[in-house]
Amino acid sequence: MSYSGGSWRRSLLVAAALVAGGTAVAASSPGAVAREAAPDATGQAWVGSWSTTPLVGSAGFNDQTLREIIHISLGGDEVRIRLTNAFGAGGVVVDDVTVGVRDAGAALAPGTERPVTFGGVQHVTLPAGAEVLSDPVPLAVAPQQDLAVSLHVPAPTGPATRHAGAYTTSYAASGDHAAEPSASAFTSTLSSWYLLDGVDVLTAPETGAVVALGDSITDGTNSTVDANRRYPDDLARRLLAGPPGQLLGVLNEGASGNRLLTDGGSSGVSAQQRFDRDVLAQTGVRAVILLEGINDIGHDLGPVSANPVTAQDLIDAMSNLTRAAHEHGLRIIGATMTPIGGSKYDTPDAEARRQAVNEWIRTGGAFDGVVDFDRTARDPADPSRFLPAYDSGDHLHPNDIGYQAMADAVDLNLLYRRLTRAADLADGTVYLSRIETNRFPDSQVAFIDTTMDAHVRPVGWQITPNDCSLAPRLRFWEHHSVDLTEAPVDVTQRLACSRQIGDAEAAQWRDPSYVLGGWVPALVPPLGAR
């Protein structure tokens, strides 16, 4: 299967959303609708703070209120709610929607309940296969806060689109109780999220989001329920401590059982099929971490029906997704597959394929960076298995400590790719590098896929004396430098003896083992895990 960004993208449609007054509501098909992070009139921008992967549903609802609890990564001054009927067989009516800050259980913090409207009204029909984005809601929210989104469905929904493994307790009540802050009517609990797949926040324009795309390990299988201990949760907490002005939200697009090559029924469409919807269409997305392939190997399913999967099948699919990400200006970080020794997937053939794909992820140069989850999670005494301290018990999924170790293994610089700038630094005052050629004639500096503000001088580089003929061995290189809006930097005034390198050359220099001449540093488990 080959990926073409255009071939997967589906057009924006106007929902036949029988809203009061006949107002039409914009919605998208299970493909993607672009949700740009362009600054609004206040100078702020919308960015994704929480999301989940919509999957085929089983349960249905009738005259019930669902109070769904979510944990956002970023704060903001306003919020928008995204509802989904991606896998519904028919339209789903929602006639009362609210959002508020969760206090405890199903109760809302006093004074935080807000009505949610769509085209100015609360009544909306979600067409089959569509999603609907709400109007902005004036609710200030903090990072790492629990929100409660309440939906009343007045009529039978049929099997409702859901995300099965929420690892968060939500609630249900009979009748319409969406506007009630009290928990008293919510006497039933839910272990899945239904008809809900995203929350955006209005925040500083330089804020962005990173998507964690993957299977059950990204989804957080076997993590502690209601504790938000999935690796993307842990990563979001790390990012909040990042450099000022470089905050990133984390959007968890993991799905238990998901595969890279083939659709998996209740496990969702393949990662290739959903890449447009779950990655490219996310609001303010800057980067994606790809952790997929282990279920393809475990089920031995290749891209052609009844054919076993090969390492090359997975490599080809990952290459397709790297091209798609780059076509849309995103960084894509490849994550190695974690150990399977002792698990239900453990066979010599499966392990050989896992090792082959992991080696390509590390050394193939296709990704903008690599996070080596395999090396992080494995037992040094038996590298085919999880480190016991990180093993949840099934030898396939980490526990809470293991998920934290995975989050800690992510080099945040791979996600930022941005040069720092002091608040009082004037535009056009900084060089990318300055070299005295008589002292350092063999200097090499490369900036690859870097975001630069206007403080960088148009010339970029400085050599002393200013004579390129005296620097024949100097290597000042750049590839795909962009400004804060992700537009390409004007490099027409760069120093004459600097060079813009091409994709193939940049791919080599993204590979740490190439930069280090084949040396791969060994990672030692934390002391508490030994």
Protein backbone atom coordinates (compact mmCIF):
# COMPACT_ATOMS: atom_id res chain seq x y z
CA MET A 1 0.00 0.00 0.00
CA SER A 2 1.40 3.38 -0.88
CA TYR A 3 0.46 6.59 0.84
CA SER A 4 -0.34 9.75 -1.01
CA GLY A 5 -1.43 12.64 1.14
CA GLY A 6 -3.96 13.72 -1.46
CA SER A 7 -5.39 10.27 -2.03
CA TRP A 8 -6.43 9.87 1.60
CA ARG A 9 -7.71 13.39 2.20
CA ARG A 10 -11.42 13.75 1.87
CA SER A 11 -13.25 16.96 1.24
CA LEU A 12 -14.90 19.10 3.88
CA LEU A 13 -18.64 18.50 3.93
CA VAL A 14 -21.54 20.43 5.33
CA ALA A 15 -23.39 18.23 7.77
CA ALA A 16 -27.06 17.68 7.32
CA ALA A 17 -27.17 18.69 10.95
CA LEU A 18 -30.81 19.47 11.63
CA VAL A 19 -29.98 22.20 14.09
CA ALA A 20 -32.53 24.66 15.35
CA GLY A 21 -33.03 27.44 12.87
CA GLY A 22 -31.53 25.37 10.08
CA THR A 23 -27.94 26.38 10.80
CA ALA A 24 -25.46 24.12 9.03
CA VAL A 25 -22.52 22.78 10.97
CA ALA A 26 -19.16 21.98 9.41
CA ALA A 27 -18.12 18.38 9.80
CA SER A 28 -15.64 15.98 8.29
CA SER A 29 -15.70 12.46 7.03
CA PRO A 30 -13.45 9.79 8.59
CA GLY A 31 -10.77 11.31 6.38
CA ALA A 32 -9.52 14.66 7.58
CA VAL A 33 -10.55 18.26 7.77
CA ALA A 34 -7.75 20.71 8.34
CA ARG A 35 -7.91 22.50 11.67
CA GLU A 36 -5.25 25.15 11.39
CA ALA A 37 -3.55 26.76 14.37
CA ALA A 38 -3.60 30.24 12.82
CA PRO A 39 -3.78 33.09 15.37
CA ASP A 40 -7.25 34.50 15.95
CA ALA A 41 -8.18 38.15 16.46
CA THR A 42 -6.68 38.12 19.97
CA GLY A 43 -3.31 36.93 18.69
CA GLN A 44 -3.86 33.52 20.27
CA ALA A 45 -4.22 30.24 18.41
CA TRP A 46 -6.14 26.99 18.73
CA VAL A 47 -4.14 23.88 19.48
CA GLY A 48 -5.08 20.31 20.37
CA SER A 49 -4.93 19.52 24.09
CA TRP A 50 -6.61 16.09 24.17
CA SER A 51 -7.68 13.54 21.60
CA THR A 52 -8.43 9.87 21.19
CA THR A 53 -8.84 7.46 18.29
CA PRO A 54 -12.45 6.75 17.27
CA LEU A 55 -13.22 3.05 16.90
CA VAL A 56 -16.18 0.84 15.98
CA GLY A 57 -18.76 0.80 18.75
CA SER A 58 -20.92 -1.93 20.26
CA ALA A 59 -23.10 -0.34 22.96
CA GLY A 60 -25.84 2.13 22.12
CA PHE A 61 -27.68 4.77 24.15
CA ASN A 62 -31.22 6.16 24.30
CA ASP A 63 -32.34 9.20 26.33
CA GLN A 64 -29.17 9.12 28.39
CA THR A 65 -26.50 11.60 29.40
CA LEU A 66 -22.87 10.56 29.08
CA ARG A 67 -20.50 12.47 31.37
CA GLU A 68 -17.10 11.75 29.91
CA ILE A 69 -13.97 12.49 31.91
CA ILE A 70 -10.82 13.54 30.05
CA HIS A 71 -7.40 14.81 31.13
CA ILE A 72 -6.09 17.67 28.99
CA SER A 73 -2.41 18.32 28.38
CA LEU A 74 -2.44 22.10 27.78
CA GLY A 75 -4.43 24.93 29.31
CA GLY A 76 -6.07 27.85 27.57
CA ASP A 77 -8.59 30.68 27.78
CA GLU A 78 -11.31 28.91 25.77
CA VAL A 79 -12.05 25.37 24.60
CA ARG A 80 -13.63 23.66 21.61
CA ILE A 81 -15.17 20.19 21.68
CA ARG A 82 -15.00 17.72 18.79
CA LEU A 83 -17.72 15.08 18.52
CA THR A 84 -17.49 12.06 16.24
CA ASN A 85 -19.79 9.58 14.57
CA ALA A 86 -16.98 8.12 12.46
CA PHE A 87 -18.30 4.57 12.56
CA GLY A 88 -22.01 5.13 13.09
CA ALA A 89 -24.45 3.49 10.69
CA GLY A 90 -26.79 6.49 10.80
CA GLY A 91 -27.06 10.00 12.14
CA VAL A 92 -26.82 10.54 15.90
CA VAL A 93 -28.75 13.37 17.55
CA VAL A 94 -27.14 15.19 20.47
CA ASP A 95 -29.42 17.85 21.96
CA ASP A 96 -27.56 19.03 25.06
CA VAL A 97 -23.79 19.35 25.48
CA THR A 98 -21.87 20.94 28.35
CA VAL A 99 -18.28 21.09 29.47
CA GLY A 100 -16.87 21.88 32.89
CA VAL A 101 -13.94 21.29 35.18
CA ARG A 102 -14.28 17.97 36.98
CA ASP A 103 -14.25 18.12 40.78
CA ALA A 104 -14.40 14.44 41.78
CA GLY A 105 -16.21 11.46 40.32
CA ALA A 106 -18.99 12.77 38.09
CA ALA A 107 -19.30 16.09 39.97
CA LEU A 108 -18.27 19.40 38.41
CA ALA A 109 -16.30 22.13 40.16
CA PRO A 110 -18.81 24.81 41.20
CA GLY A 111 -19.36 27.54 38.65
CA THR A 112 -17.46 25.87 35.79
CA GLU A 113 -20.33 24.27 33.80
CA ARG A 114 -20.69 25.84 30.35
CA PRO A 115 -23.13 25.09 27.50
CA VAL A 116 -21.52 23.95 24.25
CA THR A 117 -23.03 25.16 20.98
CA PHE A 118 -22.68 24.22 17.32
CA GLY A 119 -23.45 27.03 14.93
CA GLY A 120 -24.98 28.91 17.84
CA VAL A 121 -27.30 26.17 19.12
CA GLN A 122 -26.92 23.10 21.33
CA HIS A 123 -28.88 20.67 19.17
CA VAL A 124 -26.79 18.93 16.52
CA THR A 125 -27.00 15.80 14.40
CA LEU A 126 -23.76 13.95 13.77
CA PRO A 127 -23.99 12.47 10.26
CA ALA A 128 -22.79 8.92 9.79
CA GLY A 129 -19.05 8.93 9.23
CA ALA A 130 -18.60 12.55 10.31
CA GLU A 131 -17.23 14.70 13.07
CA VAL A 132 -18.44 18.11 14.28
CA LEU A 133 -16.40 20.87 15.91
CA SER A 134 -18.14 23.10 18.43
CA ASP A 135 -18.16 26.86 18.73
CA PRO A 136 -15.56 28.32 21.13
CA VAL A 137 -16.58 27.92 24.78
CA PRO A 138 -15.51 30.64 27.26
CA LEU A 139 -13.97 28.35 29.87
CA ALA A 140 -10.45 28.97 31.15
CA VAL A 141 -8.69 25.68 31.83
CA ALA A 142 -5.35 24.78 33.36
CA PRO A 143 -2.78 22.31 32.05
CA GLN A 144 -3.20 18.75 33.33
CA GLN A 145 -6.79 19.40 34.37
CA ASP A 146 -9.70 16.96 34.30
CA LEU A 147 -12.67 18.11 32.25
CA ALA A 148 -16.15 16.60 32.10
CA VAL A 149 -17.90 16.70 28.73
CA SER A 150 -21.59 15.82 29.08
CA LEU A 151 -23.70 14.72 26.08
CA HIS A 152 -27.41 13.99 26.08
CA VAL A 153 -28.65 11.68 23.32
CA PRO A 154 -32.48 11.82 23.19
CA ALA A 155 -33.01 8.93 20.76
CA PRO A 156 -31.41 5.54 20.03
CA THR A 157 -27.87 5.93 18.74
CA GLY A 158 -27.25 2.41 17.49
CA PRO A 159 -23.73 1.14 18.18
CA ALA A 160 -21.98 4.38 19.15
CA THR A 161 -18.50 5.25 17.91
CA ARG A 162 -16.19 4.89 20.89
CA HIS A 163 -12.64 4.56 22.13
CA ALA A 164 -12.77 1.27 23.98
CA GLY A 165 -9.75 1.41 26.30
CA ALA A 166 -10.13 4.75 28.03
CA TYR A 167 -8.41 3.68 31.28
CA THR A 168 -10.53 6.47 32.74
CA THR A 169 -13.90 6.14 34.46
CA SER A 170 -16.76 8.09 32.91
CA TYR A 171 -20.41 8.14 33.90
CA ALA A 172 -23.96 7.79 32.55
CA ALA A 173 -27.41 8.92 33.70
CA SER A 174 -30.95 8.32 32.48
CA GLY A 175 -32.56 11.42 30.95
CA ASP A 176 -31.00 14.83 30.33
CA HIS A 177 -28.67 15.87 33.16
CA ALA A 178 -25.95 17.50 31.05
CA ALA A 179 -26.34 20.90 32.72
CA GLU A 180 -26.35 19.56 36.29
CA PRO A 181 -23.05 19.97 38.17
CA SER A 182 -24.11 17.35 40.73
CA ALA A 183 -23.06 13.72 40.36
CA SER A 184 -26.25 12.36 41.93
CA ALA A 185 -27.97 11.32 38.66
CA PHE A 186 -24.87 9.59 37.28
CA THR A 187 -25.30 6.17 38.79
CA SER A 188 -23.64 4.10 36.03
CA THR A 189 -19.99 4.01 35.02
CA LEU A 190 -18.37 3.71 31.60
CA SER A 191 -14.91 2.38 30.70
CA SER A 192 -14.92 3.82 27.16
CA TRP A 193 -15.27 7.28 25.63
CA TYR A 194 -18.26 7.63 23.30
CA LEU A 195 -18.95 10.14 20.48
CA LEU A 196 -16.04 12.31 21.67
CA ASP A 197 -12.58 12.48 20.13
CA GLY A 198 -10.97 15.86 20.73
CA VAL A 199 -10.62 19.06 22.76
CA ASP A 200 -8.77 22.15 21.53
CA VAL A 201 -7.68 25.10 23.67
CA LEU A 202 -7.07 28.74 22.75
CA THR A 203 -3.58 29.64 23.87
CA ALA A 204 -0.32 31.36 22.89
CA PRO A 205 0.32 31.27 19.11
CA GLU A 206 3.72 29.58 19.41
CA THR A 207 2.17 26.57 21.18
CA GLY A 208 1.86 23.34 19.20
CA ALA A 209 0.99 19.67 19.61
CA VAL A 210 2.71 16.34 19.15
CA VAL A 211 0.69 13.24 18.22
CA ALA A 212 1.57 9.86 19.73
CA LEU A 213 0.39 7.40 17.06
CA GLY A 214 0.43 3.77 17.99
CA ASP A 215 -1.18 0.62 19.32
CA SER A 216 -2.02 -0.62 22.83
CA ILE A 217 1.35 0.48 24.22
CA THR A 218 0.58 4.07 23.23
CA ASP A 219 -3.03 3.59 24.35
CA GLY A 220 -1.79 2.69 27.85
CA THR A 221 -2.92 -0.90 28.18
CA ASN A 222 -2.35 -2.21 31.75
CA SER A 223 -1.67 1.27 33.11
CA THR A 224 -3.48 2.23 36.31
CA VAL A 225 -7.09 3.27 35.68
CA ASP A 226 -7.86 6.94 36.49
CA ALA A 227 -4.17 7.71 37.14
CA ASN A 228 -3.19 9.04 33.68
CA ARG A 229 -0.02 6.95 33.55
CA ARG A 230 0.13 6.20 29.83
CA TYR A 231 3.46 7.16 28.25
CA PRO A 232 1.88 10.11 26.36
CA ASP A 233 0.52 11.42 29.71
CA ASP A 234 3.98 11.20 31.24
CA LEU A 235 5.46 12.89 28.17
CA ALA A 236 2.93 15.72 28.43
CA ARG A 237 4.02 16.39 32.00
CA ARG A 238 7.65 16.53 30.91
CA LEU A 239 6.84 18.97 28.12
CA LEU A 240 5.10 21.36 30.50
CA ALA A 241 8.50 21.98 32.07
CA GLY A 242 10.00 22.77 28.67
CA PRO A 243 11.52 26.06 27.52
CA PRO A 244 9.24 29.12 27.82
CA GLY A 245 7.36 29.78 24.61
CA GLN A 246 7.87 26.22 23.38
CA LEU A 247 4.99 24.37 24.99
CA LEU A 248 3.59 21.33 23.24
CA GLY A 249 0.38 19.48 23.93
CA VAL A 250 0.30 15.70 23.55
CA LEU A 251 -2.48 13.97 21.62
CA ASN A 252 -2.84 10.23 22.26
CA GLU A 253 -3.86 8.43 19.07
CA GLY A 254 -3.11 4.93 20.29
CA ALA A 255 -5.54 2.07 19.71
CA SER A 256 -5.26 -1.34 21.32
CA GLY A 257 -4.56 -4.02 18.71
CA ASN A 258 -3.98 -1.47 15.95
CA ARG A 259 -1.83 -2.47 13.00
CA LEU A 260 0.30 -0.57 10.53
CA LEU A 261 -0.69 -2.49 7.40
CA THR A 262 -4.22 -3.85 7.76
CA ASP A 263 -7.52 -2.91 9.38
CA GLY A 264 -8.36 -4.66 12.62
CA GLY A 265 -12.12 -4.34 13.18
CA SER A 266 -12.56 -3.16 16.76
CA SER A 267 -8.85 -2.24 16.79
CA GLY A 268 -9.42 0.42 14.16
CA VAL A 269 -8.37 1.00 10.60
CA SER A 270 -4.68 0.67 9.86
CA ALA A 271 -2.25 3.38 10.90
CA GLN A 272 -1.75 4.20 7.23
CA GLN A 273 -5.49 4.58 6.71
CA ARG A 274 -6.02 6.78 9.77
CA PHE A 275 -2.88 8.90 9.48
CA ASP A 276 -4.76 11.70 7.76
CA ARG A 277 -7.53 11.93 10.35
CA ASP A 278 -5.55 11.15 13.49
CA VAL A 279 -2.35 13.05 12.71
CA LEU A 280 -2.46 15.49 9.81
CA ALA A 281 -5.83 17.00 10.72
CA GLN A 282 -5.02 17.63 14.39
CA THR A 283 -5.13 21.26 15.43
CA GLY A 284 -1.68 22.83 15.66
CA VAL A 285 0.21 19.57 15.15
CA ARG A 286 3.98 19.97 14.82
CA ALA A 287 5.30 16.42 15.18
CA VAL A 288 4.30 12.76 15.46
CA ILE A 289 5.87 9.83 17.34
CA LEU A 290 5.19 6.58 15.48
CA LEU A 291 5.13 3.33 17.50
CA GLU A 292 3.46 0.65 15.39
CA GLY A 293 4.13 -2.77 13.88
CA ILE A 294 4.10 -5.21 16.77
CA ASN A 295 0.53 -6.37 16.08
CA ASP A 296 1.31 -6.88 12.39
CA ILE A 297 4.18 -9.12 13.48
CA GLY A 298 2.19 -10.86 16.21
CA HIS A 299 -0.72 -11.69 13.89
CA ASP A 300 1.63 -12.34 10.95
CA LEU A 301 -0.56 -10.31 8.60
CA GLY A 302 1.05 -8.75 5.54
CA PRO A 303 -0.52 -6.11 3.28
CA VAL A 304 -1.83 -8.77 0.89
CA SER A 305 -4.56 -11.05 2.24
CA ALA A 306 -3.29 -14.38 3.65
CA ASN A 307 0.36 -13.42 3.06
CA PRO A 308 2.67 -13.37 6.09
CA VAL A 309 4.17 -10.03 7.05
CA THR A 310 7.80 -9.28 6.27
CA ALA A 311 10.14 -6.75 7.79
CA GLN A 312 10.23 -4.99 4.42
CA ASP A 313 6.42 -4.64 4.45
CA LEU A 314 6.64 -2.69 7.69
CA ILE A 315 9.62 -0.66 6.52
CA ASP A 316 7.77 0.31 3.35
CA ALA A 317 4.70 1.38 5.32
CA MET A 318 6.76 3.45 7.75
CA SER A 319 8.55 5.07 4.82
CA ASN A 320 5.16 5.99 3.35
CA LEU A 321 4.18 7.72 6.58
CA THR A 322 7.46 9.63 6.85
CA ARG A 323 6.89 10.98 3.35
CA ALA A 324 3.31 11.97 4.22
CA ALA A 325 4.45 13.77 7.38
CA HIS A 326 7.17 15.64 5.52
CA GLU A 327 4.78 16.62 2.73
CA HIS A 328 2.72 18.38 5.39
CA GLY A 329 5.66 20.00 7.19
CA LEU A 330 5.64 17.70 10.23
CA ARG A 331 8.53 16.09 12.01
CA ILE A 332 8.10 12.36 12.44
CA ILE A 333 9.97 10.48 15.16
CA GLY A 334 10.39 6.73 14.77
CA ALA A 335 10.04 4.61 17.90
CA THR A 336 11.52 1.12 18.09
CA MET A 337 9.18 -1.72 19.02
CA THR A 338 9.44 -2.89 22.62
CA PRO A 339 10.34 -6.48 23.61
CA ILE A 340 8.00 -9.45 23.10
CA GLY A 341 9.98 -12.25 24.80
CA GLY A 342 7.68 -14.48 26.85
CA SER A 343 4.52 -12.87 25.45
CA LYS A 344 1.81 -14.36 23.26
CA TYR A 345 3.69 -13.00 20.23
CA ASP A 346 7.03 -14.61 21.09
CA THR A 347 8.34 -16.79 18.27
CA PRO A 348 11.80 -16.87 16.66
CA ASP A 349 10.40 -15.51 13.39
CA ALA A 350 8.51 -12.70 15.10
CA GLU A 351 11.59 -11.69 17.08
CA ALA A 352 13.76 -11.70 13.96
CA ARG A 353 11.30 -9.38 12.17
CA ARG A 354 11.07 -7.08 15.17
CA GLN A 355 14.85 -6.82 15.36
CA ALA A 356 15.16 -6.17 11.62
CA VAL A 357 12.61 -3.35 11.64
CA ASN A 358 14.07 -1.82 14.79
CA GLU A 359 17.53 -1.77 13.23
CA TRP A 360 16.12 0.03 10.20
CA ILE A 361 14.33 2.56 12.43
CA ARG A 362 17.63 3.27 14.20
CA THR A 363 19.87 3.46 11.13
CA GLY A 364 17.70 3.91 8.03
CA GLY A 365 17.65 7.70 8.19
CA ALA A 366 13.99 7.97 7.16
CA PHE A 367 12.82 9.57 10.40
CA ASP A 368 13.63 13.03 11.72
CA GLY A 369 14.73 11.39 14.93
CA VAL A 370 14.52 8.13 16.84
CA VAL A 371 13.36 7.23 20.33
CA ASP A 372 14.67 3.80 21.22
CA PHE A 373 11.89 2.36 23.36
CA ASP A 374 13.30 -1.12 22.80
CA ARG A 375 16.64 -0.22 24.36
CA THR A 376 14.85 1.65 27.16
CA ALA A 377 12.49 -1.18 28.11
CA ARG A 378 14.56 -4.31 27.56
CA ASP A 379 16.34 -6.40 30.16
CA PRO A 380 20.13 -6.13 29.66
CA ALA A 381 20.41 -9.75 30.81
CA ASP A 382 17.88 -10.91 28.18
CA PRO A 383 17.30 -8.19 25.57
CA SER A 384 14.34 -10.03 23.99
CA ARG A 385 12.35 -9.46 27.20
CA PHE A 386 11.14 -6.50 29.23
CA LEU A 387 13.16 -5.41 32.20
CA PRO A 388 11.19 -7.06 35.05
CA ALA A 389 10.69 -3.73 36.83
CA TYR A 390 8.93 -2.39 33.70
CA ASP A 391 6.83 -5.48 32.83
CA SER A 392 3.07 -5.30 33.53
CA GLY A 393 2.98 -9.09 33.71
CA ASP A 394 1.96 -10.07 30.17
CA HIS A 395 5.53 -9.52 28.86
CA LEU A 396 4.09 -7.31 26.08
CA HIS A 397 2.95 -4.11 27.81
CA PRO A 398 4.80 -1.91 30.29
CA ASN A 399 3.53 -1.07 33.75
CA ASP A 400 3.31 2.50 35.06
CA ILE A 401 7.05 2.60 35.77
CA GLY A 402 7.81 1.30 32.30
CA TYR A 403 5.55 3.89 30.67
CA GLN A 404 7.34 6.62 32.62
CA ALA A 405 10.71 5.27 31.44
CA MET A 406 9.45 5.42 27.85
CA ALA A 407 8.39 9.05 28.26
CA ASP A 408 11.72 9.88 29.87
CA ALA A 409 13.54 8.33 26.89
CA VAL A 410 12.10 10.86 24.44
CA ASP A 411 14.69 13.51 23.58
CA LEU A 412 12.55 16.64 23.79
CA ASN A 413 14.86 18.44 21.38
CA LEU A 414 13.53 16.13 18.67
CA LEU A 415 10.12 17.71 19.21
CA TYR A 416 11.13 21.32 19.76
CA ARG A 417 13.61 21.71 16.85
CA ARG A 418 13.60 25.39 17.73
CA LEU A 419 16.42 27.81 18.48
CA THR A 420 16.06 29.56 21.82
CA ARG A 421 15.72 33.33 22.05
CA ALA A 422 15.99 35.62 25.04
CA ALA A 423 13.03 37.98 25.47
CA ASP A 424 15.19 41.10 25.06
CA LEU A 425 17.08 39.87 21.98
CA ALA A 426 16.57 42.10 18.94
CA ASP A 427 15.79 40.81 15.45
CA GLY A 428 18.71 40.18 13.10
CA THR A 429 21.39 40.09 15.79
CA VAL A 430 22.45 36.43 16.05
CA TYR A 431 24.57 34.18 13.83
CA LEU A 432 23.97 30.47 13.49
CA SER A 433 27.71 30.04 13.92
CA ARG A 434 30.85 32.19 13.97
CA ILE A 435 34.25 30.74 13.09
CA GLU A 436 37.79 32.07 12.85
CA THR A 437 38.98 30.11 9.82
CA ASN A 438 42.69 30.40 10.65
CA ARG A 439 42.04 28.65 13.98
CA PHE A 440 39.27 26.20 13.01
CA PRO A 441 39.64 25.48 9.28
CA ASP A 442 37.76 22.13 9.48
CA SER A 443 34.69 23.26 11.39
CA GLN A 444 31.33 21.70 10.61
CA VAL A 445 27.94 22.93 11.83
CA ALA A 446 24.60 21.65 10.53
CA PHE A 447 21.06 22.80 11.29
CA ILE A 448 18.52 20.22 10.11
CA ASP A 449 14.75 20.80 10.30
CA THR A 450 15.15 23.75 12.65
CA THR A 451 12.61 26.42 13.60
CA MET A 452 14.21 29.87 13.74
CA ASP A 453 12.87 33.22 14.87
CA ALA A 454 13.73 36.57 13.30
CA HIS A 455 16.68 37.05 15.69
CA VAL A 456 18.84 35.05 13.24
CA ARG A 457 20.68 37.28 10.79
CA PRO A 458 19.73 36.85 7.11
CA VAL A 459 23.36 36.00 6.31
CA GLY A 460 23.14 33.17 8.85
CA TRP A 461 26.84 32.54 9.35
CA GLN A 462 30.00 34.57 10.01
CA ILE A 463 33.60 33.73 9.18
CA THR A 464 36.68 35.74 10.12
CA PRO A 465 38.28 36.90 7.92
CA ASN A 466 35.26 37.28 5.66
CA ASP A 467 36.73 35.43 2.70
CA CYS A 468 35.26 32.12 1.60
CA SER A 469 38.37 31.29 -0.40
CA LEU A 470 40.19 30.87 2.93
CA ALA A 471 37.69 28.28 4.14
CA PRO A 472 37.69 25.42 1.60
CA ARG A 473 37.08 22.76 4.25
CA LEU A 474 34.42 24.64 6.20
CA ARG A 475 30.98 23.00 6.34
CA PHE A 476 28.11 25.31 7.24
CA TRP A 477 25.00 23.34 6.31
CA GLU A 478 21.26 23.83 6.57
CA HIS A 479 18.21 21.79 5.65
CA HIS A 480 14.56 22.82 5.83
CA SER A 481 14.86 25.78 8.19
CA VAL A 482 11.44 27.29 8.96
CA ASP A 483 10.13 30.31 10.85
CA LEU A 484 7.66 30.29 13.73
CA THR A 485 4.72 29.94 11.33
CA GLU A 486 6.38 26.84 9.77
CA ALA A 487 7.04 28.77 6.53
CA PRO A 488 10.46 28.20 4.89
CA VAL A 489 13.14 30.67 5.97
CA ASP A 490 14.48 32.95 3.23
CA VAL A 491 18.04 31.66 2.74
CA THR A 492 18.87 33.71 -0.33
CA GLN A 493 21.19 35.99 1.68
CA ARG A 494 23.10 33.20 3.45
CA LEU A 495 26.90 33.27 3.49
CA ALA A 496 28.27 32.21 0.11
CA CYS A 497 30.29 29.31 1.52
CA SER A 498 27.35 27.85 3.44
CA ARG A 499 25.20 25.24 1.76
CA GLN A 500 21.59 24.05 1.72
CA ILE A 501 21.79 20.25 1.74
CA GLY A 502 19.24 17.90 0.14
CA ASP A 503 16.93 15.30 1.63
CA ALA A 504 19.26 12.33 1.20
CA GLU A 505 22.20 14.06 2.83
CA ALA A 506 20.02 15.37 5.66
CA ALA A 507 18.74 11.84 6.29
CA GLN A 508 22.31 10.67 6.91
CA TRP A 509 22.96 13.40 9.45
CA ARG A 510 19.74 12.67 11.34
CA ASP A 511 21.17 9.23 12.17
CA PRO A 512 23.21 9.44 15.41
CA SER A 513 25.25 6.35 14.52
CA TYR A 514 26.33 8.05 11.27
CA VAL A 515 27.29 11.23 13.09
CA LEU A 516 29.20 9.22 15.69
CA GLY A 517 30.95 7.02 13.17
CA GLY A 518 28.99 3.88 14.03
CA TRP A 519 29.18 4.23 17.79
CA VAL A 520 25.83 3.71 19.55
CA PRO A 521 25.94 4.79 23.22
CA ALA A 522 24.69 2.17 25.67
CA LEU A 523 21.74 3.19 27.82
CA VAL A 524 21.84 2.04 31.43
CA PRO A 525 18.51 1.42 33.23
CA PRO A 526 17.74 3.81 36.10
CA LEU A 527 19.05 2.66 39.47
CA GLY A 528 15.57 1.93 40.78
CA ALA A 529 14.90 -0.47 37.91
CA ARG A 530 17.97 -2.67 38.38
